């Protein structure tokens, strides 16, 4: 958010965290346990009582998949000691960090092993045209392999072409996000789509359990 002041970003983060956790509980009631992800600046993590917020608003069921907090590569590299500390303080609450927009040049491969991350999110500059571009394709594959070698998952952001999505699948990328897969939408619209999906699955299951018998011609 270019031009946004620190106080405004902290206030926005303080609203976004409870909202995401409450939404996760609503989705779980529909039978969909989603691991939510929220972008939070490092300075907000330092000043907000994140652990208290999570304990207050997190879904109260055993199989809750947890929360991912996206932190930009630039910010997390600037203070590795704090990043490691916040990771240790939140891990018992099933909260993990993701390095967002990885690959913009702020960290080196040597420092990557110092970063406490559960997800490595490929910068969209690598993802765009990775299905055809002879430079981006090997870069994506390298970052995906790096994530797996560190025991984490790889997430491609900014997927807008089917050819890129297919290429990323062939490279072993774990997850993806982008306009090809879904547009930004209000929670109510997403819940409506979940209900439609649940209804379709229920009808398909019923049809499989009770196939229609046809009279011979």
N, C-alpha and C. Protein backbone atom coordinates (compact mmCIF):
# COMPACT_ATOMS: atom_id res chain seq x y z
N UNK A 1 0.85 -1.19 0.00
CA UNK A 1 0.00 0.00 0.00
C UNK A 1 0.89 1.25 0.00
N UNK A 2 1.33 1.67 -1.17
CA UNK A 2 2.22 2.83 -1.26
C UNK A 2 1.61 4.07 -0.59
N UNK A 3 2.43 4.75 0.20
CA UNK A 3 1.98 5.97 0.85
C UNK A 3 1.29 5.77 2.18
N UNK A 4 0.98 4.52 2.53
CA UNK A 4 0.30 4.27 3.80
C UNK A 4 1.27 4.50 4.96
N UNK A 5 0.77 5.12 6.02
CA UNK A 5 1.60 5.39 7.18
C UNK A 5 1.61 4.18 8.12
N UNK A 6 2.66 4.11 8.94
CA UNK A 6 2.83 2.96 9.82
C UNK A 6 1.63 2.76 10.74
N UNK A 7 1.12 3.85 11.32
CA UNK A 7 -0.01 3.73 12.25
C UNK A 7 -1.23 3.15 11.55
N UNK A 8 -1.44 3.55 10.31
CA UNK A 8 -2.58 3.05 9.56
C UNK A 8 -2.45 1.57 9.25
N UNK A 9 -1.24 1.12 8.91
CA UNK A 9 -1.01 -0.28 8.60
C UNK A 9 -1.18 -1.15 9.85
N UNK A 10 -0.74 -0.64 10.98
CA UNK A 10 -0.89 -1.39 12.24
C UNK A 10 -2.38 -1.52 12.59
N UNK A 11 -3.12 -0.42 12.44
CA UNK A 11 -4.55 -0.46 12.73
C UNK A 11 -5.28 -1.41 11.78
N UNK A 12 -4.88 -1.41 10.52
CA UNK A 12 -5.49 -2.31 9.54
C UNK A 12 -5.19 -3.76 9.88
N UNK A 13 -3.96 -4.04 10.30
CA UNK A 13 -3.58 -5.40 10.69
C UNK A 13 -4.37 -5.85 11.91
N UNK A 14 -4.60 -4.93 12.82
CA UNK A 14 -5.36 -5.26 14.03
C UNK A 14 -6.80 -5.63 13.71
N UNK A 15 -7.32 -5.10 12.61
CA UNK A 15 -8.66 -5.46 12.15
C UNK A 15 -8.65 -6.74 11.31
N UNK A 16 -7.61 -6.89 10.48
CA UNK A 16 -7.57 -8.00 9.53
C UNK A 16 -7.38 -9.35 10.22
N UNK A 17 -6.57 -9.40 11.27
CA UNK A 17 -6.31 -10.68 11.93
C UNK A 17 -7.58 -11.30 12.53
N UNK A 18 -8.34 -10.56 13.37
CA UNK A 18 -9.59 -11.14 13.88
C UNK A 18 -10.58 -11.49 12.78
N UNK A 19 -10.64 -10.65 11.74
CA UNK A 19 -11.57 -10.89 10.64
C UNK A 19 -11.25 -12.20 9.95
N UNK A 20 -9.96 -12.45 9.69
CA UNK A 20 -9.56 -13.68 9.02
C UNK A 20 -9.85 -14.90 9.88
N UNK A 21 -9.59 -14.81 11.17
CA UNK A 21 -9.82 -15.94 12.08
C UNK A 21 -11.31 -16.23 12.22
N UNK A 22 -12.12 -15.19 12.27
CA UNK A 22 -13.58 -15.37 12.35
C UNK A 22 -14.10 -16.00 11.06
N UNK A 23 -13.56 -15.55 9.93
CA UNK A 23 -13.96 -16.13 8.64
C UNK A 23 -13.60 -17.61 8.58
N UNK A 24 -12.44 -17.97 9.11
CA UNK A 24 -12.03 -19.38 9.12
C UNK A 24 -13.04 -20.23 9.89
N UNK A 25 -13.54 -19.70 11.00
CA UNK A 25 -14.55 -20.43 11.78
C UNK A 25 -15.85 -20.57 10.99
N UNK A 26 -16.23 -19.52 10.26
CA UNK A 26 -17.44 -19.59 9.45
C UNK A 26 -17.31 -20.62 8.33
N UNK A 27 -16.14 -20.67 7.71
CA UNK A 27 -15.92 -21.64 6.64
C UNK A 27 -15.93 -23.06 7.19
N UNK A 28 -15.39 -23.23 8.39
CA UNK A 28 -15.35 -24.57 9.00
C UNK A 28 -16.76 -25.10 9.25
N UNK A 29 -17.68 -24.20 9.57
CA UNK A 29 -19.07 -24.62 9.80
C UNK A 29 -19.70 -25.19 8.53
N UNK A 30 -19.12 -24.80 7.37
CA UNK A 30 -19.61 -25.32 6.10
C UNK A 30 -18.84 -26.57 5.68
N UNK A 31 -17.98 -27.04 6.58
CA UNK A 31 -17.23 -28.26 6.31
C UNK A 31 -15.94 -28.04 5.54
N UNK A 32 -15.49 -26.79 5.46
CA UNK A 32 -14.25 -26.47 4.73
C UNK A 32 -13.26 -25.86 5.70
N UNK A 33 -12.24 -26.61 6.08
CA UNK A 33 -11.23 -26.12 7.00
C UNK A 33 -10.07 -25.51 6.21
N UNK A 34 -10.06 -24.20 6.13
CA UNK A 34 -9.06 -23.50 5.34
C UNK A 34 -7.98 -22.89 6.22
N UNK A 35 -6.74 -22.98 5.76
CA UNK A 35 -5.65 -22.27 6.42
C UNK A 35 -5.63 -20.86 5.86
N UNK A 36 -6.00 -19.91 6.67
CA UNK A 36 -6.09 -18.53 6.23
C UNK A 36 -4.70 -17.90 6.20
N UNK A 37 -4.54 -16.93 5.31
CA UNK A 37 -3.27 -16.19 5.20
C UNK A 37 -3.58 -14.70 5.26
N UNK A 38 -2.78 -13.98 6.04
CA UNK A 38 -2.97 -12.54 6.21
C UNK A 38 -1.63 -11.83 6.02
N UNK A 39 -1.62 -10.77 5.23
CA UNK A 39 -0.42 -9.96 5.09
C UNK A 39 -0.31 -9.01 6.28
N UNK A 40 0.79 -9.11 7.01
CA UNK A 40 1.01 -8.25 8.17
C UNK A 40 2.44 -7.70 8.13
N UNK A 41 2.61 -6.39 8.19
CA UNK A 41 3.97 -5.83 8.21
C UNK A 41 4.70 -6.24 9.49
N UNK A 42 6.02 -6.33 9.41
CA UNK A 42 6.81 -6.73 10.58
C UNK A 42 6.62 -5.76 11.73
N UNK A 43 6.52 -4.45 11.43
CA UNK A 43 6.35 -3.50 12.52
C UNK A 43 5.03 -3.69 13.25
N UNK A 44 4.02 -4.18 12.53
CA UNK A 44 2.74 -4.48 13.19
C UNK A 44 2.87 -5.71 14.07
N UNK A 45 3.61 -6.72 13.60
CA UNK A 45 3.85 -7.91 14.43
C UNK A 45 4.56 -7.54 15.71
N UNK A 46 5.43 -6.53 15.63
CA UNK A 46 6.20 -6.13 16.80
C UNK A 46 5.36 -5.38 17.82
N UNK A 47 4.32 -4.69 17.35
CA UNK A 47 3.56 -3.83 18.25
C UNK A 47 2.20 -4.38 18.65
N UNK A 48 1.68 -5.36 17.93
CA UNK A 48 0.38 -5.93 18.26
C UNK A 48 0.54 -7.17 19.13
N UNK A 49 -0.45 -7.42 19.97
CA UNK A 49 -0.46 -8.64 20.79
C UNK A 49 -1.04 -9.77 19.94
N UNK A 50 -0.25 -10.23 18.97
CA UNK A 50 -0.73 -11.20 17.99
C UNK A 50 -1.18 -12.49 18.66
N UNK A 51 -0.41 -12.97 19.62
CA UNK A 51 -0.76 -14.21 20.31
C UNK A 51 -2.12 -14.09 20.99
N UNK A 52 -2.38 -12.96 21.64
CA UNK A 52 -3.66 -12.76 22.32
C UNK A 52 -4.81 -12.71 21.31
N UNK A 53 -4.57 -12.04 20.17
CA UNK A 53 -5.61 -11.95 19.14
C UNK A 53 -5.95 -13.35 18.62
N UNK A 54 -4.92 -14.15 18.36
CA UNK A 54 -5.15 -15.50 17.84
C UNK A 54 -5.90 -16.35 18.87
N UNK A 55 -5.49 -16.30 20.11
CA UNK A 55 -6.14 -17.10 21.15
C UNK A 55 -7.60 -16.70 21.33
N UNK A 56 -7.91 -15.43 21.13
CA UNK A 56 -9.27 -14.95 21.32
C UNK A 56 -10.18 -15.32 20.15
N UNK A 57 -9.69 -15.22 18.93
CA UNK A 57 -10.54 -15.35 17.75
C UNK A 57 -10.36 -16.64 16.96
N UNK A 58 -9.37 -17.44 17.26
CA UNK A 58 -9.13 -18.64 16.47
C UNK A 58 -10.30 -19.61 16.56
N UNK A 59 -10.55 -20.38 15.49
CA UNK A 59 -11.61 -21.40 15.53
C UNK A 59 -11.31 -22.41 16.64
N UNK A 60 -12.33 -22.76 17.38
CA UNK A 60 -12.14 -23.66 18.52
C UNK A 60 -12.48 -25.10 18.15
N UNK A 61 -11.65 -25.71 17.33
CA UNK A 61 -11.79 -27.13 17.05
C UNK A 61 -10.41 -27.71 16.79
N UNK A 62 -10.25 -28.99 17.07
CA UNK A 62 -8.94 -29.62 17.08
C UNK A 62 -8.25 -29.61 15.72
N UNK A 63 -9.00 -29.73 14.64
CA UNK A 63 -8.39 -29.87 13.32
C UNK A 63 -8.21 -28.53 12.61
N UNK A 64 -8.23 -27.45 13.37
CA UNK A 64 -7.98 -26.15 12.75
C UNK A 64 -6.60 -26.17 12.09
N UNK A 65 -6.50 -25.87 10.78
CA UNK A 65 -5.21 -25.99 10.07
C UNK A 65 -4.23 -24.86 10.36
N UNK A 66 -4.66 -23.84 11.09
CA UNK A 66 -3.74 -22.79 11.48
C UNK A 66 -3.82 -21.53 10.63
N UNK A 67 -2.92 -20.61 10.92
CA UNK A 67 -2.90 -19.30 10.26
C UNK A 67 -1.51 -19.06 9.67
N UNK A 68 -1.49 -18.50 8.48
CA UNK A 68 -0.25 -18.09 7.84
C UNK A 68 -0.17 -16.56 7.84
N UNK A 69 0.94 -16.03 8.30
CA UNK A 69 1.16 -14.59 8.25
C UNK A 69 2.21 -14.31 7.18
N UNK A 70 1.80 -13.59 6.15
CA UNK A 70 2.70 -13.24 5.05
C UNK A 70 3.50 -12.00 5.41
N UNK A 71 4.82 -12.14 5.34
CA UNK A 71 5.73 -11.02 5.60
C UNK A 71 6.64 -10.87 4.39
N UNK A 72 6.86 -9.66 3.93
CA UNK A 72 7.67 -9.47 2.74
C UNK A 72 9.12 -9.87 3.01
N UNK A 73 9.75 -10.33 1.96
CA UNK A 73 11.16 -10.75 2.06
C UNK A 73 12.04 -9.62 2.58
N UNK A 74 11.80 -8.42 2.07
CA UNK A 74 12.61 -7.27 2.47
C UNK A 74 12.52 -7.03 3.97
N UNK A 75 11.31 -7.10 4.54
CA UNK A 75 11.12 -6.82 5.95
C UNK A 75 11.68 -7.91 6.86
N UNK A 76 11.47 -9.16 6.47
CA UNK A 76 11.89 -10.25 7.33
C UNK A 76 13.41 -10.37 7.39
N UNK A 77 14.09 -10.05 6.28
CA UNK A 77 15.55 -10.10 6.25
C UNK A 77 16.15 -8.98 7.09
N UNK A 78 15.43 -7.86 7.20
CA UNK A 78 15.95 -6.70 7.94
C UNK A 78 16.11 -6.99 9.43
N UNK A 79 15.33 -7.94 9.97
CA UNK A 79 15.43 -8.25 11.40
C UNK A 79 15.19 -9.73 11.62
N UNK A 80 16.22 -10.52 11.35
CA UNK A 80 16.09 -11.97 11.47
C UNK A 80 15.87 -12.41 12.91
N UNK A 81 16.49 -11.71 13.85
CA UNK A 81 16.34 -12.08 15.26
C UNK A 81 14.89 -11.97 15.69
N UNK A 82 14.23 -10.89 15.29
CA UNK A 82 12.82 -10.73 15.64
C UNK A 82 11.96 -11.77 14.93
N UNK A 83 12.27 -12.03 13.66
CA UNK A 83 11.50 -13.02 12.90
C UNK A 83 11.56 -14.38 13.56
N UNK A 84 12.74 -14.77 14.01
CA UNK A 84 12.87 -16.06 14.70
C UNK A 84 12.14 -16.06 16.03
N UNK A 85 12.19 -14.93 16.74
CA UNK A 85 11.53 -14.83 18.04
C UNK A 85 10.02 -14.93 17.89
N UNK A 86 9.44 -14.18 16.94
CA UNK A 86 7.98 -14.20 16.77
C UNK A 86 7.52 -15.56 16.30
N UNK A 87 8.34 -16.24 15.50
CA UNK A 87 7.99 -17.58 15.05
C UNK A 87 7.89 -18.55 16.22
N UNK A 88 8.86 -18.48 17.13
CA UNK A 88 8.85 -19.37 18.30
C UNK A 88 7.67 -19.07 19.20
N UNK A 89 7.31 -17.79 19.33
CA UNK A 89 6.22 -17.41 20.22
C UNK A 89 4.84 -17.79 19.68
N UNK A 90 4.74 -17.96 18.36
CA UNK A 90 3.44 -18.22 17.75
C UNK A 90 3.24 -19.67 17.30
N UNK A 91 4.31 -20.44 17.24
CA UNK A 91 4.19 -21.77 16.65
C UNK A 91 3.27 -22.70 17.46
N UNK A 92 3.18 -22.51 18.78
CA UNK A 92 2.30 -23.37 19.58
C UNK A 92 0.83 -23.05 19.32
N UNK A 93 0.57 -21.92 18.65
CA UNK A 93 -0.80 -21.54 18.29
C UNK A 93 -1.11 -21.92 16.85
N UNK A 94 -0.22 -22.68 16.22
CA UNK A 94 -0.37 -23.08 14.82
C UNK A 94 -0.35 -21.88 13.88
N UNK A 95 0.49 -20.90 14.21
CA UNK A 95 0.70 -19.74 13.35
C UNK A 95 2.10 -19.84 12.76
N UNK A 96 2.19 -19.72 11.45
CA UNK A 96 3.46 -19.84 10.75
C UNK A 96 3.69 -18.59 9.88
N UNK A 97 4.95 -18.35 9.54
CA UNK A 97 5.29 -17.23 8.67
C UNK A 97 5.51 -17.71 7.23
N UNK A 98 5.14 -16.85 6.29
CA UNK A 98 5.43 -17.07 4.88
C UNK A 98 6.25 -15.89 4.37
N UNK A 99 7.25 -16.18 3.55
CA UNK A 99 8.03 -15.12 2.92
C UNK A 99 7.34 -14.75 1.62
N UNK A 100 6.82 -13.54 1.57
CA UNK A 100 6.04 -13.10 0.41
C UNK A 100 6.96 -12.44 -0.62
N UNK A 101 6.57 -12.56 -1.88
CA UNK A 101 7.30 -11.93 -2.99
C UNK A 101 8.77 -12.32 -2.99
N UNK A 102 9.04 -13.60 -2.76
CA UNK A 102 10.44 -14.04 -2.69
C UNK A 102 11.10 -13.94 -4.06
N UNK A 103 12.33 -13.43 -4.05
CA UNK A 103 13.10 -13.37 -5.28
C UNK A 103 13.37 -11.97 -5.78
N UNK A 104 13.00 -10.97 -5.02
CA UNK A 104 13.25 -9.59 -5.46
C UNK A 104 14.67 -9.12 -5.17
N UNK A 105 15.50 -10.01 -4.61
CA UNK A 105 16.91 -9.69 -4.49
C UNK A 105 17.37 -9.23 -3.13
N UNK A 106 16.50 -9.26 -2.11
CA UNK A 106 16.91 -8.76 -0.81
C UNK A 106 17.74 -9.78 -0.02
N UNK A 107 17.41 -11.06 -0.17
CA UNK A 107 18.15 -12.08 0.58
C UNK A 107 18.99 -12.91 -0.37
N UNK A 108 19.99 -13.56 0.20
CA UNK A 108 20.83 -14.44 -0.59
C UNK A 108 20.53 -15.86 -0.20
N UNK A 109 21.00 -16.82 -0.98
CA UNK A 109 20.77 -18.22 -0.66
C UNK A 109 21.42 -18.58 0.67
N UNK A 110 22.53 -17.92 1.00
CA UNK A 110 23.21 -18.21 2.26
C UNK A 110 22.32 -17.84 3.44
N UNK A 111 21.61 -16.72 3.32
CA UNK A 111 20.76 -16.25 4.43
C UNK A 111 19.42 -16.96 4.46
N UNK A 112 19.06 -17.59 3.37
CA UNK A 112 17.75 -18.25 3.32
C UNK A 112 17.60 -19.27 4.43
N UNK A 113 18.68 -19.98 4.76
CA UNK A 113 18.60 -21.00 5.79
C UNK A 113 18.33 -20.41 7.18
N UNK A 114 18.54 -19.08 7.33
CA UNK A 114 18.29 -18.43 8.61
C UNK A 114 16.85 -17.98 8.76
N UNK A 115 16.11 -17.98 7.67
CA UNK A 115 14.75 -17.44 7.70
C UNK A 115 13.74 -18.47 8.19
N UNK A 116 12.93 -18.11 9.18
CA UNK A 116 11.94 -19.04 9.72
C UNK A 116 10.66 -18.98 8.90
N UNK A 117 10.49 -19.87 7.94
CA UNK A 117 9.31 -19.78 7.10
C UNK A 117 8.68 -21.15 6.87
N UNK A 118 7.35 -21.14 6.75
CA UNK A 118 6.60 -22.36 6.42
C UNK A 118 6.24 -22.39 4.95
N UNK A 119 6.18 -21.20 4.34
CA UNK A 119 5.86 -21.09 2.93
C UNK A 119 6.81 -20.11 2.26
N UNK A 120 7.16 -20.41 1.03
CA UNK A 120 7.96 -19.52 0.20
C UNK A 120 7.09 -19.15 -0.99
N UNK A 121 6.79 -17.86 -1.12
CA UNK A 121 5.87 -17.41 -2.15
C UNK A 121 6.66 -16.75 -3.28
N UNK A 122 6.59 -17.38 -4.45
CA UNK A 122 7.35 -16.91 -5.61
C UNK A 122 6.83 -15.56 -6.09
N UNK A 123 7.73 -14.63 -6.30
CA UNK A 123 7.35 -13.33 -6.80
C UNK A 123 6.70 -13.47 -8.18
N UNK A 124 5.68 -12.65 -8.42
CA UNK A 124 4.92 -12.75 -9.68
C UNK A 124 5.80 -12.48 -10.90
N UNK A 125 6.91 -11.76 -10.72
CA UNK A 125 7.81 -11.51 -11.85
C UNK A 125 8.41 -12.81 -12.37
N UNK A 126 8.59 -13.81 -11.49
CA UNK A 126 9.07 -15.11 -11.92
C UNK A 126 7.94 -15.93 -12.53
N UNK A 127 6.75 -15.81 -11.94
CA UNK A 127 5.62 -16.66 -12.33
C UNK A 127 5.09 -16.31 -13.71
N UNK A 128 5.07 -15.01 -14.04
CA UNK A 128 4.53 -14.58 -15.33
C UNK A 128 5.31 -15.20 -16.48
N UNK A 129 4.57 -15.91 -17.34
CA UNK A 129 5.14 -16.56 -18.53
C UNK A 129 6.13 -17.68 -18.21
N UNK A 130 6.05 -18.24 -16.99
CA UNK A 130 6.98 -19.31 -16.63
C UNK A 130 6.74 -20.57 -17.47
N UNK A 131 5.59 -20.64 -18.13
CA UNK A 131 5.33 -21.78 -19.00
C UNK A 131 6.05 -21.72 -20.32
N UNK A 132 6.52 -20.51 -20.67
CA UNK A 132 7.17 -20.34 -21.98
C UNK A 132 8.51 -19.62 -21.89
N UNK A 133 8.70 -18.80 -20.89
CA UNK A 133 9.92 -18.00 -20.78
C UNK A 133 11.10 -18.88 -20.34
N UNK A 134 12.19 -18.82 -21.09
CA UNK A 134 13.34 -19.69 -20.82
C UNK A 134 14.15 -19.24 -19.61
N UNK A 135 13.90 -18.04 -19.12
CA UNK A 135 14.56 -17.57 -17.90
C UNK A 135 13.69 -17.82 -16.68
N UNK A 136 12.42 -17.45 -16.77
CA UNK A 136 11.53 -17.59 -15.62
C UNK A 136 11.28 -19.05 -15.24
N UNK A 137 11.20 -19.93 -16.23
CA UNK A 137 10.92 -21.34 -15.93
C UNK A 137 11.96 -21.95 -15.00
N UNK A 138 13.26 -21.86 -15.30
CA UNK A 138 14.24 -22.44 -14.39
C UNK A 138 14.31 -21.72 -13.05
N UNK A 139 14.03 -20.40 -13.03
CA UNK A 139 14.01 -19.67 -11.77
C UNK A 139 12.91 -20.18 -10.86
N UNK A 140 11.73 -20.39 -11.42
CA UNK A 140 10.61 -20.93 -10.64
C UNK A 140 10.95 -22.31 -10.09
N UNK A 141 11.51 -23.16 -10.94
CA UNK A 141 11.87 -24.51 -10.53
C UNK A 141 12.88 -24.47 -9.40
N UNK A 142 13.84 -23.57 -9.47
CA UNK A 142 14.87 -23.45 -8.43
C UNK A 142 14.27 -23.05 -7.09
N UNK A 143 13.37 -22.05 -7.11
CA UNK A 143 12.75 -21.59 -5.86
C UNK A 143 11.85 -22.67 -5.27
N UNK A 144 11.12 -23.37 -6.11
CA UNK A 144 10.26 -24.45 -5.65
C UNK A 144 11.09 -25.54 -4.97
N UNK A 145 12.19 -25.91 -5.60
CA UNK A 145 13.07 -26.93 -5.02
C UNK A 145 13.68 -26.45 -3.71
N UNK A 146 14.04 -25.15 -3.65
CA UNK A 146 14.59 -24.59 -2.42
C UNK A 146 13.59 -24.72 -1.27
N UNK A 147 12.35 -24.36 -1.54
CA UNK A 147 11.32 -24.45 -0.51
C UNK A 147 11.20 -25.89 0.00
N UNK A 148 11.17 -26.84 -0.91
CA UNK A 148 11.03 -28.24 -0.52
C UNK A 148 12.25 -28.73 0.24
N UNK A 149 13.42 -28.28 -0.15
CA UNK A 149 14.64 -28.69 0.54
C UNK A 149 14.70 -28.19 1.98
N UNK A 150 14.00 -27.09 2.25
CA UNK A 150 13.94 -26.56 3.60
C UNK A 150 12.71 -27.07 4.36
N UNK A 151 12.03 -28.05 3.79
CA UNK A 151 10.87 -28.62 4.46
C UNK A 151 9.64 -27.74 4.45
N UNK A 152 9.57 -26.83 3.50
CA UNK A 152 8.44 -25.91 3.41
C UNK A 152 7.69 -26.13 2.10
N UNK A 153 6.64 -25.35 1.91
CA UNK A 153 5.86 -25.46 0.68
C UNK A 153 6.10 -24.23 -0.19
N UNK A 154 5.91 -24.41 -1.48
CA UNK A 154 6.08 -23.33 -2.45
C UNK A 154 4.72 -22.86 -2.94
N UNK A 155 4.55 -21.54 -2.99
CA UNK A 155 3.29 -20.95 -3.44
C UNK A 155 3.62 -19.96 -4.56
N UNK A 156 2.99 -20.13 -5.70
CA UNK A 156 3.18 -19.20 -6.82
C UNK A 156 2.08 -18.15 -6.79
N UNK A 157 2.45 -16.89 -6.85
CA UNK A 157 1.45 -15.83 -6.82
C UNK A 157 1.39 -15.14 -8.18
N UNK A 158 0.21 -14.61 -8.48
CA UNK A 158 0.03 -13.89 -9.73
C UNK A 158 -0.17 -14.78 -10.94
N UNK A 159 -0.78 -15.96 -10.75
CA UNK A 159 -1.03 -16.85 -11.88
C UNK A 159 -2.21 -16.32 -12.70
N UNK A 160 -1.97 -16.04 -13.96
CA UNK A 160 -3.02 -15.50 -14.82
C UNK A 160 -3.22 -16.29 -16.10
N UNK A 161 -2.34 -17.24 -16.38
CA UNK A 161 -2.44 -18.03 -17.60
C UNK A 161 -2.47 -19.52 -17.28
N UNK A 162 -3.30 -20.25 -18.02
CA UNK A 162 -3.39 -21.70 -17.82
C UNK A 162 -2.06 -22.38 -18.11
N UNK A 163 -1.34 -21.87 -19.10
CA UNK A 163 -0.04 -22.48 -19.45
C UNK A 163 0.95 -22.35 -18.29
N UNK A 164 0.89 -21.22 -17.58
CA UNK A 164 1.78 -21.05 -16.43
C UNK A 164 1.38 -21.98 -15.29
N UNK A 165 0.07 -22.13 -15.07
CA UNK A 165 -0.41 -23.02 -14.01
C UNK A 165 0.02 -24.45 -14.27
N UNK A 166 -0.10 -24.90 -15.51
CA UNK A 166 0.29 -26.27 -15.86
C UNK A 166 1.79 -26.46 -15.68
N UNK A 167 2.57 -25.45 -16.07
CA UNK A 167 4.02 -25.54 -15.91
C UNK A 167 4.40 -25.62 -14.44
N UNK A 168 3.75 -24.85 -13.59
CA UNK A 168 4.04 -24.85 -12.16
C UNK A 168 3.69 -26.19 -11.52
N UNK A 169 2.60 -26.79 -11.97
CA UNK A 169 2.23 -28.12 -11.47
C UNK A 169 3.31 -29.13 -11.83
N UNK A 170 3.80 -29.05 -13.06
CA UNK A 170 4.84 -29.99 -13.50
C UNK A 170 6.15 -29.77 -12.74
N UNK A 171 6.37 -28.55 -12.25
CA UNK A 171 7.57 -28.26 -11.47
C UNK A 171 7.45 -28.71 -10.01
N UNK A 172 6.24 -29.09 -9.60
CA UNK A 172 6.04 -29.52 -8.23
C UNK A 172 5.59 -28.44 -7.28
N UNK A 173 5.13 -27.30 -7.82
CA UNK A 173 4.65 -26.21 -6.96
C UNK A 173 3.43 -26.69 -6.18
N UNK A 174 3.39 -26.36 -4.88
CA UNK A 174 2.34 -26.90 -4.01
C UNK A 174 1.02 -26.15 -4.12
N UNK A 175 1.08 -24.83 -4.15
CA UNK A 175 -0.14 -24.02 -4.18
C UNK A 175 0.05 -22.85 -5.13
N UNK A 176 -1.07 -22.24 -5.50
CA UNK A 176 -1.01 -21.07 -6.36
C UNK A 176 -2.14 -20.11 -6.07
N UNK A 177 -1.92 -18.86 -6.43
CA UNK A 177 -2.98 -17.86 -6.31
C UNK A 177 -2.85 -16.90 -7.47
N UNK A 178 -3.97 -16.35 -7.86
CA UNK A 178 -3.97 -15.43 -8.99
C UNK A 178 -5.33 -15.37 -9.64
N UNK A 179 -5.50 -14.42 -10.56
CA UNK A 179 -6.80 -14.20 -11.20
C UNK A 179 -7.29 -15.42 -11.98
N UNK A 180 -6.38 -16.25 -12.46
CA UNK A 180 -6.82 -17.46 -13.17
C UNK A 180 -7.59 -18.39 -12.25
N UNK A 181 -7.21 -18.42 -10.97
CA UNK A 181 -7.81 -19.35 -10.02
C UNK A 181 -8.99 -18.74 -9.26
N UNK A 182 -9.00 -17.45 -9.12
CA UNK A 182 -10.10 -16.82 -8.40
C UNK A 182 -9.89 -15.33 -8.27
N UNK A 183 -10.97 -14.58 -8.40
CA UNK A 183 -10.92 -13.13 -8.26
C UNK A 183 -11.12 -12.74 -6.80
N UNK A 184 -10.59 -11.60 -6.37
CA UNK A 184 -10.93 -11.10 -5.02
C UNK A 184 -12.43 -10.94 -4.90
N UNK A 185 -12.97 -11.30 -3.74
CA UNK A 185 -14.42 -11.24 -3.54
C UNK A 185 -14.75 -11.05 -2.07
N UNK A 186 -15.94 -10.52 -1.78
CA UNK A 186 -16.36 -10.40 -0.38
C UNK A 186 -16.56 -11.77 0.24
N UNK A 187 -16.49 -11.83 1.57
CA UNK A 187 -16.66 -13.10 2.26
C UNK A 187 -18.01 -13.73 1.93
N UNK A 188 -19.05 -12.90 1.83
CA UNK A 188 -20.39 -13.44 1.57
C UNK A 188 -20.45 -14.18 0.24
N UNK A 189 -19.75 -13.65 -0.76
CA UNK A 189 -19.72 -14.30 -2.08
C UNK A 189 -18.97 -15.62 -1.99
N UNK A 190 -17.88 -15.63 -1.25
CA UNK A 190 -17.10 -16.85 -1.10
C UNK A 190 -17.91 -17.92 -0.36
N UNK A 191 -18.63 -17.51 0.67
CA UNK A 191 -19.48 -18.45 1.41
C UNK A 191 -20.55 -19.03 0.48
N UNK A 192 -21.11 -18.18 -0.39
CA UNK A 192 -22.11 -18.66 -1.35
C UNK A 192 -21.53 -19.72 -2.26
N UNK A 193 -20.29 -19.50 -2.73
CA UNK A 193 -19.64 -20.48 -3.59
C UNK A 193 -19.37 -21.78 -2.83
N UNK A 194 -19.00 -21.67 -1.56
CA UNK A 194 -18.77 -22.87 -0.75
C UNK A 194 -20.07 -23.67 -0.58
N UNK A 195 -21.18 -22.95 -0.39
CA UNK A 195 -22.46 -23.64 -0.25
C UNK A 195 -22.84 -24.37 -1.53
N UNK A 196 -22.60 -23.71 -2.68
CA UNK A 196 -22.88 -24.35 -3.96
C UNK A 196 -22.02 -25.59 -4.15
N UNK A 197 -20.76 -25.48 -3.77
CA UNK A 197 -19.85 -26.62 -3.89
C UNK A 197 -20.30 -27.76 -2.99
N UNK A 198 -20.68 -27.43 -1.75
CA UNK A 198 -21.13 -28.47 -0.82
C UNK A 198 -22.38 -29.16 -1.34
N UNK A 199 -23.30 -28.36 -1.93
CA UNK A 199 -24.52 -28.95 -2.49
C UNK A 199 -24.22 -29.86 -3.67
N UNK A 200 -23.29 -29.45 -4.54
CA UNK A 200 -22.92 -30.27 -5.69
C UNK A 200 -22.28 -31.58 -5.24
N UNK A 201 -21.41 -31.50 -4.22
CA UNK A 201 -20.76 -32.71 -3.72
C UNK A 201 -21.77 -33.66 -3.10
N UNK A 202 -22.75 -33.10 -2.39
CA UNK A 202 -23.77 -33.94 -1.76
C UNK A 202 -24.61 -34.65 -2.81
N UNK A 203 -24.96 -33.93 -3.88
CA UNK A 203 -25.75 -34.54 -4.95
C UNK A 203 -24.95 -35.63 -5.67
N UNK A 204 -23.65 -35.37 -5.89
CA UNK A 204 -22.81 -36.35 -6.56
C UNK A 204 -22.66 -37.61 -5.71
N UNK A 205 -22.51 -37.42 -4.38
CA UNK A 205 -22.38 -38.56 -3.48
C UNK A 205 -23.66 -39.38 -3.45
N UNK A 206 -24.81 -38.68 -3.44
CA UNK A 206 -26.09 -39.38 -3.43
C UNK A 206 -26.29 -40.17 -4.72
N UNK A 207 -25.90 -39.58 -5.83
CA UNK A 207 -26.04 -40.25 -7.11
C UNK A 207 -25.15 -41.49 -7.19
N UNK A 208 -23.95 -41.39 -6.61
CA UNK A 208 -23.03 -42.53 -6.62
C UNK A 208 -23.53 -43.66 -5.73
N UNK A 209 -24.18 -43.29 -4.63
CA UNK A 209 -24.68 -44.30 -3.69
C UNK A 209 -25.95 -44.97 -4.19
N UNK A 210 -26.73 -44.24 -4.98
CA UNK A 210 -28.00 -44.77 -5.48
C UNK A 210 -28.10 -44.54 -6.98
N UNK A 211 -27.35 -45.28 -7.77
CA UNK A 211 -27.40 -45.10 -9.23
C UNK A 211 -28.81 -45.38 -9.77
N UNK A 212 -29.15 -44.66 -10.79
CA UNK A 212 -30.47 -44.84 -11.43
C UNK A 212 -30.45 -46.09 -12.29
N UNK A 213 -31.40 -46.97 -12.05
CA UNK A 213 -31.51 -48.17 -12.85
C UNK A 213 -32.47 -47.92 -14.03
N UNK A 214 -32.01 -48.23 -15.22
CA UNK A 214 -32.82 -47.98 -16.40
C UNK A 214 -33.40 -49.29 -16.92
N UNK A 215 -34.63 -49.18 -17.40
CA UNK A 215 -35.27 -50.33 -17.99
C UNK A 215 -34.60 -50.68 -19.33
N UNK A 216 -34.45 -51.95 -19.62
CA UNK A 216 -33.86 -52.30 -20.92
C UNK A 216 -34.75 -51.82 -22.06
N UNK A 217 -34.15 -51.42 -23.14
CA UNK A 217 -34.91 -50.91 -24.30
C UNK A 217 -35.68 -52.05 -24.95
